[in-house]
Amino acid sequence: MFTGIVEELGEVTAVEKLGDASRFRLRGAVVTEGAKHGDSIAVNGVCLTVVDLGEHEFTADVMAETLNRSSLGALATGSRVNLERPMALGGRLGGHIVQGHVDGTGRIVERKVSEHWEIVKISLPADLTRYVVEKGSITVDGVSLTVVDAGPDYFTISLIPTTLALTTLGIKGPGDPVNLEVDVIAKYVERLLGNPAQENGEAGK
């Protein structure tokens, strides 16, 4: 379980293609401190398992399901990535409850720069629109953010200088993909109340 508060901006140092999977080596001095084999680390919002450790680096295997559902398949050597360790029991929940299970991907549509912040518009897959509401929470590339505006096929977020400087959201431009994880509470509530989309056979479209 994560909070969506990125701990550091890491870097992909190697990518090994394994047919229907990939092995990534990533550098991150903060997240590897005290890490051990089998630990979880979120990479751009995707929960990955540490399979090997080096000096300030770790290796993780990514299966086809994750590559297809997220933007990790587009990573290459030198790519910058958002890194976060799991929340410690008893720690502060600085963002919101983040599972590290990506629901889909969007793309940055446009950026509007002001003196002290930026408004970023991101495309939203049709099957996720019902989970995104104005002033609700959403995770973008592993960053816990508040939705400013929720449209029929997009949403906007407002980024402060700290987020721009310390995450990938400060360096991505129009057309770049981002991983999206909607608020898990909304999905559980939908399930408990009965999902009209599933009842009509529209789930997964």
C-alpha atoms as a PDB file:
ATOM      1  CA  MET A   1       0.000   0.000   0.000  1.00  0.00           C
ATOM      2  CA  PHE A   2       1.303   3.429  -0.969  1.00  0.00           C
ATOM      3  CA  THR A   3       0.299   7.048  -0.397  1.00  0.00           C
ATOM      4  CA  GLY A   4       1.145   8.677  -3.729  1.00  0.00           C
ATOM      5  CA  ILE A   5       3.843  10.864  -2.153  1.00  0.00           C
ATOM      6  CA  VAL A   6       6.844  10.323  -4.425  1.00  0.00           C
ATOM      7  CA  GLU A   7      10.099   9.915  -2.489  1.00  0.00           C
ATOM      8  CA  GLU A   8      12.542  10.486  -5.315  1.00  0.00           C
ATOM      9  CA  LEU A   9      12.950  10.865  -9.041  1.00  0.00           C
ATOM     10  CA  GLY A  10      14.859   7.759 -10.101  1.00  0.00           C
ATOM     11  CA  GLU A  11      16.292   6.556 -13.383  1.00  0.00           C
ATOM     12  CA  VAL A  12      16.109   3.421 -15.517  1.00  0.00           C
ATOM     13  CA  THR A  13      19.673   2.157 -15.933  1.00  0.00           C
ATOM     14  CA  ALA A  14      18.956  -0.972 -18.011  1.00  0.00           C
ATOM     15  CA  VAL A  15      16.075  -2.731 -19.764  1.00  0.00           C
ATOM     16  CA  GLU A  16      16.210  -6.406 -20.721  1.00  0.00           C
ATOM     17  CA  LYS A  17      13.475  -7.704 -23.030  1.00  0.00           C
ATOM     18  CA  LEU A  18      12.379 -11.235 -22.117  1.00  0.00           C
ATOM     19  CA  GLY A  19       9.761 -11.985 -24.763  1.00  0.00           C
ATOM     20  CA  ASP A  20       6.482 -11.610 -22.897  1.00  0.00           C
ATOM     21  CA  ALA A  21       8.158  -9.775 -20.003  1.00  0.00           C
ATOM     22  CA  SER A  22      10.887  -7.236 -19.256  1.00  0.00           C
ATOM     23  CA  ARG A  23      13.496  -6.848 -16.547  1.00  0.00           C
ATOM     24  CA  PHE A  24      14.267  -3.324 -15.396  1.00  0.00           C
ATOM     25  CA  ARG A  25      17.222  -2.076 -13.406  1.00  0.00           C
ATOM     26  CA  LEU A  26      16.492   1.213 -11.680  1.00  0.00           C
ATOM     27  CA  ARG A  27      18.556   3.652  -9.659  1.00  0.00           C
ATOM     28  CA  GLY A  28      17.159   5.202  -6.499  1.00  0.00           C
ATOM     29  CA  ALA A  29      19.328   5.868  -3.450  1.00  0.00           C
ATOM     30  CA  VAL A  30      16.394   6.662  -1.168  1.00  0.00           C
ATOM     31  CA  VAL A  31      14.093   3.729  -1.950  1.00  0.00           C
ATOM     32  CA  THR A  32      16.893   1.162  -1.902  1.00  0.00           C
ATOM     33  CA  GLU A  33      18.060   2.160   1.566  1.00  0.00           C
ATOM     34  CA  GLY A  34      17.194  -0.792   3.785  1.00  0.00           C
ATOM     35  CA  ALA A  35      15.421  -2.590   0.924  1.00  0.00           C
ATOM     36  CA  LYS A  36      15.669  -6.345   0.541  1.00  0.00           C
ATOM     37  CA  HIS A  37      14.704  -9.073  -1.903  1.00  0.00           C
ATOM     38  CA  GLY A  38      10.917  -9.387  -2.174  1.00  0.00           C
ATOM     39  CA  ASP A  39      10.127  -5.833  -1.061  1.00  0.00           C
ATOM     40  CA  SER A  40       7.717  -3.679  -3.054  1.00  0.00           C
ATOM     41  CA  ILE A  41       8.591  -0.365  -4.701  1.00  0.00           C
ATOM     42  CA  ALA A  42       6.198   1.717  -6.800  1.00  0.00           C
ATOM     43  CA  VAL A  43       7.625   2.775 -10.164  1.00  0.00           C
ATOM     44  CA  ASN A  44       5.506   5.450 -11.849  1.00  0.00           C
ATOM     45  CA  GLY A  45       2.639   4.190  -9.735  1.00  0.00           C
ATOM     46  CA  VAL A  46       3.132   0.492 -10.522  1.00  0.00           C
ATOM     47  CA  CYS A  47       3.881  -1.801  -7.586  1.00  0.00           C
ATOM     48  CA  LEU A  48       6.934  -3.897  -8.497  1.00  0.00           C
ATOM     49  CA  THR A  49       8.821  -6.560  -6.545  1.00  0.00           C
ATOM     50  CA  VAL A  50      12.527  -6.219  -5.864  1.00  0.00           C
ATOM     51  CA  VAL A  51      14.330  -9.299  -7.259  1.00  0.00           C
ATOM     52  CA  ASP A  52      17.903  -8.071  -6.946  1.00  0.00           C
ATOM     53  CA  LEU A  53      19.776  -5.218  -5.280  1.00  0.00           C
ATOM     54  CA  GLY A  54      22.969  -3.338  -6.062  1.00  0.00           C
ATOM     55  CA  GLU A  55      24.512  -0.103  -4.854  1.00  0.00           C
ATOM     56  CA  HIS A  56      21.617   2.382  -4.962  1.00  0.00           C
ATOM     57  CA  GLU A  57      19.935   0.176  -7.599  1.00  0.00           C
ATOM     58  CA  PHE A  58      17.310  -2.529  -7.743  1.00  0.00           C
ATOM     59  CA  THR A  59      16.013  -4.936 -10.371  1.00  0.00           C
ATOM     60  CA  ALA A  60      12.358  -5.785 -11.015  1.00  0.00           C
ATOM     61  CA  ASP A  61      10.605  -8.131 -13.439  1.00  0.00           C
ATOM     62  CA  VAL A  62       7.529  -6.823 -15.256  1.00  0.00           C
ATOM     63  CA  MET A  63       5.076  -9.300 -16.808  1.00  0.00           C
ATOM     64  CA  ALA A  64       3.055  -8.799 -19.980  1.00  0.00           C
ATOM     65  CA  GLU A  65      -0.162  -7.825 -18.144  1.00  0.00           C
ATOM     66  CA  THR A  66       1.619  -4.918 -16.476  1.00  0.00           C
ATOM     67  CA  LEU A  67       3.395  -3.870 -19.675  1.00  0.00           C
ATOM     68  CA  ASN A  68       0.084  -3.861 -21.561  1.00  0.00           C
ATOM     69  CA  ARG A  69      -1.910  -2.036 -18.900  1.00  0.00           C
ATOM     70  CA  SER A  70       0.662   0.585 -17.941  1.00  0.00           C
ATOM     71  CA  SER A  71       3.186   2.858 -19.610  1.00  0.00           C
ATOM     72  CA  LEU A  72       6.181   0.899 -18.294  1.00  0.00           C
ATOM     73  CA  GLY A  73       6.618  -0.743 -21.696  1.00  0.00           C
ATOM     74  CA  ALA A  74       7.657   2.649 -23.079  1.00  0.00           C
ATOM     75  CA  LEU A  75      10.520   3.067 -20.604  1.00  0.00           C
ATOM     76  CA  ALA A  76      14.073   2.957 -21.906  1.00  0.00           C
ATOM     77  CA  THR A  77      17.533   3.352 -20.455  1.00  0.00           C
ATOM     78  CA  GLY A  78      17.789   6.880 -19.121  1.00  0.00           C
ATOM     79  CA  SER A  79      14.059   7.341 -18.515  1.00  0.00           C
ATOM     80  CA  ARG A  80      13.209   9.153 -15.294  1.00  0.00           C
ATOM     81  CA  VAL A  81      10.678   7.495 -12.996  1.00  0.00           C
ATOM     82  CA  ASN A  82       8.783   8.299  -9.817  1.00  0.00           C
ATOM     83  CA  LEU A  83       9.748   6.008  -6.930  1.00  0.00           C
ATOM     84  CA  GLU A  84       7.989   5.329  -3.627  1.00  0.00           C
ATOM     85  CA  ARG A  85       8.361   2.715  -0.921  1.00  0.00           C
ATOM     86  CA  PRO A  86       5.248   1.210   0.717  1.00  0.00           C
ATOM     87  CA  MET A  87       3.691   3.124   3.586  1.00  0.00           C
ATOM     88  CA  ALA A  88       4.998   2.002   6.983  1.00  0.00           C
ATOM     89  CA  LEU A  89       2.382   0.760   9.434  1.00  0.00           C
ATOM     90  CA  GLY A  90       1.567   3.669  11.708  1.00  0.00           C
ATOM     91  CA  GLY A  91       2.972   6.211   9.250  1.00  0.00           C
ATOM     92  CA  ARG A  92       1.182   9.309   8.002  1.00  0.00           C
ATOM     93  CA  LEU A  93      -1.128   8.952   4.992  1.00  0.00           C
ATOM     94  CA  GLY A  94       0.114  12.065   3.236  1.00  0.00           C
ATOM     95  CA  GLY A  95      -1.739  11.500  -0.027  1.00  0.00           C
ATOM     96  CA  HIS A  96      -4.516   8.922  -0.325  1.00  0.00           C
ATOM     97  CA  ILE A  97      -4.775   5.121  -0.407  1.00  0.00           C
ATOM     98  CA  VAL A  98      -2.826   3.947  -3.465  1.00  0.00           C
ATOM     99  CA  GLN A  99      -2.538   0.253  -4.313  1.00  0.00           C
ATOM    100  CA  GLY A 100       0.018   0.465  -7.082  1.00  0.00           C
ATOM    101  CA  HIS A 101      -2.421  -1.333  -9.389  1.00  0.00           C
ATOM    102  CA  VAL A 102      -2.744   0.773 -12.529  1.00  0.00           C
ATOM    103  CA  ASP A 103      -6.258   0.966 -13.975  1.00  0.00           C
ATOM    104  CA  GLY A 104      -5.228   2.349 -17.347  1.00  0.00           C
ATOM    105  CA  THR A 105      -3.224   5.034 -19.100  1.00  0.00           C
ATOM    106  CA  GLY A 106      -3.972   8.537 -20.246  1.00  0.00           C
ATOM    107  CA  ARG A 107      -1.981  11.081 -22.206  1.00  0.00           C
ATOM    108  CA  ILE A 108      -1.081  14.636 -21.437  1.00  0.00           C
ATOM    109  CA  VAL A 109      -3.234  16.814 -23.688  1.00  0.00           C
ATOM    110  CA  GLU A 110      -1.971  20.267 -22.776  1.00  0.00           C
ATOM    111  CA  ARG A 111      -0.185  22.284 -20.112  1.00  0.00           C
ATOM    112  CA  LYS A 112      -1.083  25.814 -19.032  1.00  0.00           C
ATOM    113  CA  VAL A 113       1.729  27.565 -17.222  1.00  0.00           C
ATOM    114  CA  SER A 114       1.108  30.310 -14.671  1.00  0.00           C
ATOM    115  CA  GLU A 115       3.510  32.145 -12.394  1.00  0.00           C
ATOM    116  CA  HIS A 116       3.375  29.660  -9.501  1.00  0.00           C
ATOM    117  CA  TRP A 117       1.736  26.488 -10.799  1.00  0.00           C
ATOM    118  CA  GLU A 118       0.646  24.603 -13.917  1.00  0.00           C
ATOM    119  CA  ILE A 119      -2.718  23.235 -14.960  1.00  0.00           C
ATOM    120  CA  VAL A 120      -2.316  19.944 -16.833  1.00  0.00           C
ATOM    121  CA  LYS A 121      -5.087  18.353 -18.905  1.00  0.00           C
ATOM    122  CA  ILE A 122      -4.965  14.560 -19.232  1.00  0.00           C
ATOM    123  CA  SER A 123      -7.071  12.275 -21.409  1.00  0.00           C
ATOM    124  CA  LEU A 124      -9.228   9.765 -19.562  1.00  0.00           C
ATOM    125  CA  PRO A 125     -10.231   6.279 -20.810  1.00  0.00           C
ATOM    126  CA  ALA A 126     -14.004   5.881 -21.110  1.00  0.00           C
ATOM    127  CA  ASP A 127     -14.168   3.023 -18.605  1.00  0.00           C
ATOM    128  CA  LEU A 128     -12.608   5.174 -15.877  1.00  0.00           C
ATOM    129  CA  THR A 129     -14.676   8.350 -16.197  1.00  0.00           C
ATOM    130  CA  ARG A 130     -17.286   7.255 -13.631  1.00  0.00           C
ATOM    131  CA  TYR A 131     -14.597   7.039 -10.935  1.00  0.00           C
ATOM    132  CA  VAL A 132     -13.194  10.544 -11.444  1.00  0.00           C
ATOM    133  CA  VAL A 133     -14.960  13.468  -9.783  1.00  0.00           C
ATOM    134  CA  GLU A 134     -14.155  17.103  -9.218  1.00  0.00           C
ATOM    135  CA  LYS A 135     -12.036  17.552  -6.068  1.00  0.00           C
ATOM    136  CA  GLY A 136     -11.640  13.760  -5.805  1.00  0.00           C
ATOM    137  CA  SER A 137      -8.324  11.906  -5.647  1.00  0.00           C
ATOM    138  CA  ILE A 138      -6.474  10.288  -8.532  1.00  0.00           C
ATOM    139  CA  THR A 139      -2.982   8.867  -8.941  1.00  0.00           C
ATOM    140  CA  VAL A 140      -1.002   9.994 -11.993  1.00  0.00           C
ATOM    141  CA  ASP A 141       2.350   8.244 -12.528  1.00  0.00           C
ATOM    142  CA  GLY A 142       2.285   7.373  -8.843  1.00  0.00           C
ATOM    143  CA  VAL A 143       1.578  10.940  -7.675  1.00  0.00           C
ATOM    144  CA  SER A 144      -1.471  11.525  -5.459  1.00  0.00           C
ATOM    145  CA  LEU A 145      -3.347  14.488  -6.905  1.00  0.00           C
ATOM    146  CA  THR A 146      -6.663  16.310  -6.592  1.00  0.00           C
ATOM    147  CA  VAL A 147      -8.895  16.529  -9.649  1.00  0.00           C
ATOM    148  CA  VAL A 148      -9.576  20.156 -10.566  1.00  0.00           C
ATOM    149  CA  ASP A 149     -12.056  19.532 -13.367  1.00  0.00           C
ATOM    150  CA  ALA A 150     -13.609  16.248 -14.540  1.00  0.00           C
ATOM    151  CA  GLY A 151     -14.771  16.212 -18.156  1.00  0.00           C
ATOM    152  CA  PRO A 152     -16.355  13.471 -20.305  1.00  0.00           C
ATOM    153  CA  ASP A 153     -12.995  12.233 -21.600  1.00  0.00           C
ATOM    154  CA  TYR A 154     -10.422  14.211 -19.638  1.00  0.00           C
ATOM    155  CA  PHE A 155      -9.537  15.659 -16.271  1.00  0.00           C
ATOM    156  CA  THR A 156      -7.269  18.443 -15.113  1.00  0.00           C
ATOM    157  CA  ILE A 157      -4.832  18.698 -12.230  1.00  0.00           C
ATOM    158  CA  SER A 158      -2.946  21.611 -10.716  1.00  0.00           C
ATOM    159  CA  LEU A 159       0.772  21.112 -10.056  1.00  0.00           C
ATOM    160  CA  ILE A 160       2.751  23.108  -7.515  1.00  0.00           C
ATOM    161  CA  PRO A 161       6.484  23.856  -8.004  1.00  0.00           C
ATOM    162  CA  THR A 162       7.519  21.010  -5.678  1.00  0.00           C
ATOM    163  CA  THR A 163       5.621  18.426  -7.743  1.00  0.00           C
ATOM    164  CA  LEU A 164       7.004  19.882 -10.966  1.00  0.00           C
ATOM    165  CA  ALA A 165      10.564  19.728  -9.664  1.00  0.00           C
ATOM    166  CA  LEU A 166      10.522  16.332  -7.950  1.00  0.00           C
ATOM    167  CA  THR A 167       8.382  14.105 -10.221  1.00  0.00           C
ATOM    168  CA  THR A 168       8.096  13.092 -13.863  1.00  0.00           C
ATOM    169  CA  LEU A 169       5.061  15.368 -14.204  1.00  0.00           C
ATOM    170  CA  GLY A 170       7.444  18.288 -14.463  1.00  0.00           C
ATOM    171  CA  ILE A 171       9.197  16.899 -17.545  1.00  0.00           C
ATOM    172  CA  LYS A 172       6.428  15.227 -19.530  1.00  0.00           C
ATOM    173  CA  GLY A 173       4.782  17.041 -22.407  1.00  0.00           C
ATOM    174  CA  PRO A 174       1.691  16.763 -24.638  1.00  0.00           C
ATOM    175  CA  GLY A 175       1.312  13.260 -26.038  1.00  0.00           C
ATOM    176  CA  ASP A 176       3.319  11.568 -23.299  1.00  0.00           C
ATOM    177  CA  PRO A 177       1.569   8.631 -21.562  1.00  0.00           C
ATOM    178  CA  VAL A 178       0.869   8.546 -17.840  1.00  0.00           C
ATOM    179  CA  ASN A 179      -0.315   5.750 -15.560  1.00  0.00           C
ATOM    180  CA  LEU A 180      -3.681   6.252 -13.889  1.00  0.00           C
ATOM    181  CA  GLU A 181      -5.065   4.666 -10.739  1.00  0.00           C
ATOM    182  CA  VAL A 182      -8.503   5.813  -9.632  1.00  0.00           C
ATOM    183  CA  ASP A 183      -9.623   5.964  -6.019  1.00  0.00           C
ATOM    184  CA  VAL A 184     -10.055   2.354  -4.858  1.00  0.00           C
ATOM    185  CA  ILE A 185     -12.837   3.403  -2.470  1.00  0.00           C
ATOM    186  CA  ALA A 186     -14.988   4.412  -5.442  1.00  0.00           C
ATOM    187  CA  LYS A 187     -14.530   0.967  -7.004  1.00  0.00           C
ATOM    188  CA  TYR A 188     -15.493  -0.834  -3.806  1.00  0.00           C
ATOM    189  CA  VAL A 189     -18.583   1.344  -3.353  1.00  0.00           C
ATOM    190  CA  GLU A 190     -19.623   0.617  -6.942  1.00  0.00           C
ATOM    191  CA  ARG A 191     -19.179  -3.108  -6.387  1.00  0.00           C
ATOM    192  CA  LEU A 192     -21.203  -3.098  -3.164  1.00  0.00           C
ATOM    193  CA  LEU A 193     -24.047  -1.091  -4.689  1.00  0.00           C
ATOM    194  CA  GLY A 194     -24.080  -3.100  -7.909  1.00  0.00           C
ATOM    195  CA  ASN A 195     -22.276  -2.064 -11.089  1.00  0.00           C
ATOM    196  CA  PRO A 196     -24.739  -1.026 -13.832  1.00  0.00           C
ATOM    197  CA  ALA A 197     -21.997  -1.394 -16.444  1.00  0.00           C
ATOM    198  CA  GLN A 198     -21.349  -4.994 -15.431  1.00  0.00           C
ATOM    199  CA  GLU A 199     -25.066  -5.799 -15.321  1.00  0.00           C
ATOM    200  CA  ASN A 200     -25.424  -4.480 -18.873  1.00  0.00           C
ATOM    201  CA  GLY A 201     -22.406  -6.459 -20.082  1.00  0.00           C
ATOM    202  CA  GLU A 202     -20.350  -3.334 -20.689  1.00  0.00           C
ATOM    203  CA  ALA A 203     -17.563  -3.935 -18.211  1.00  0.00           C
ATOM    204  CA  GLY A 204     -14.107  -3.980 -19.708  1.00  0.00           C
ATOM    205  CA  LYS A 205     -15.081  -2.122 -22.845  1.00  0.00           C
END
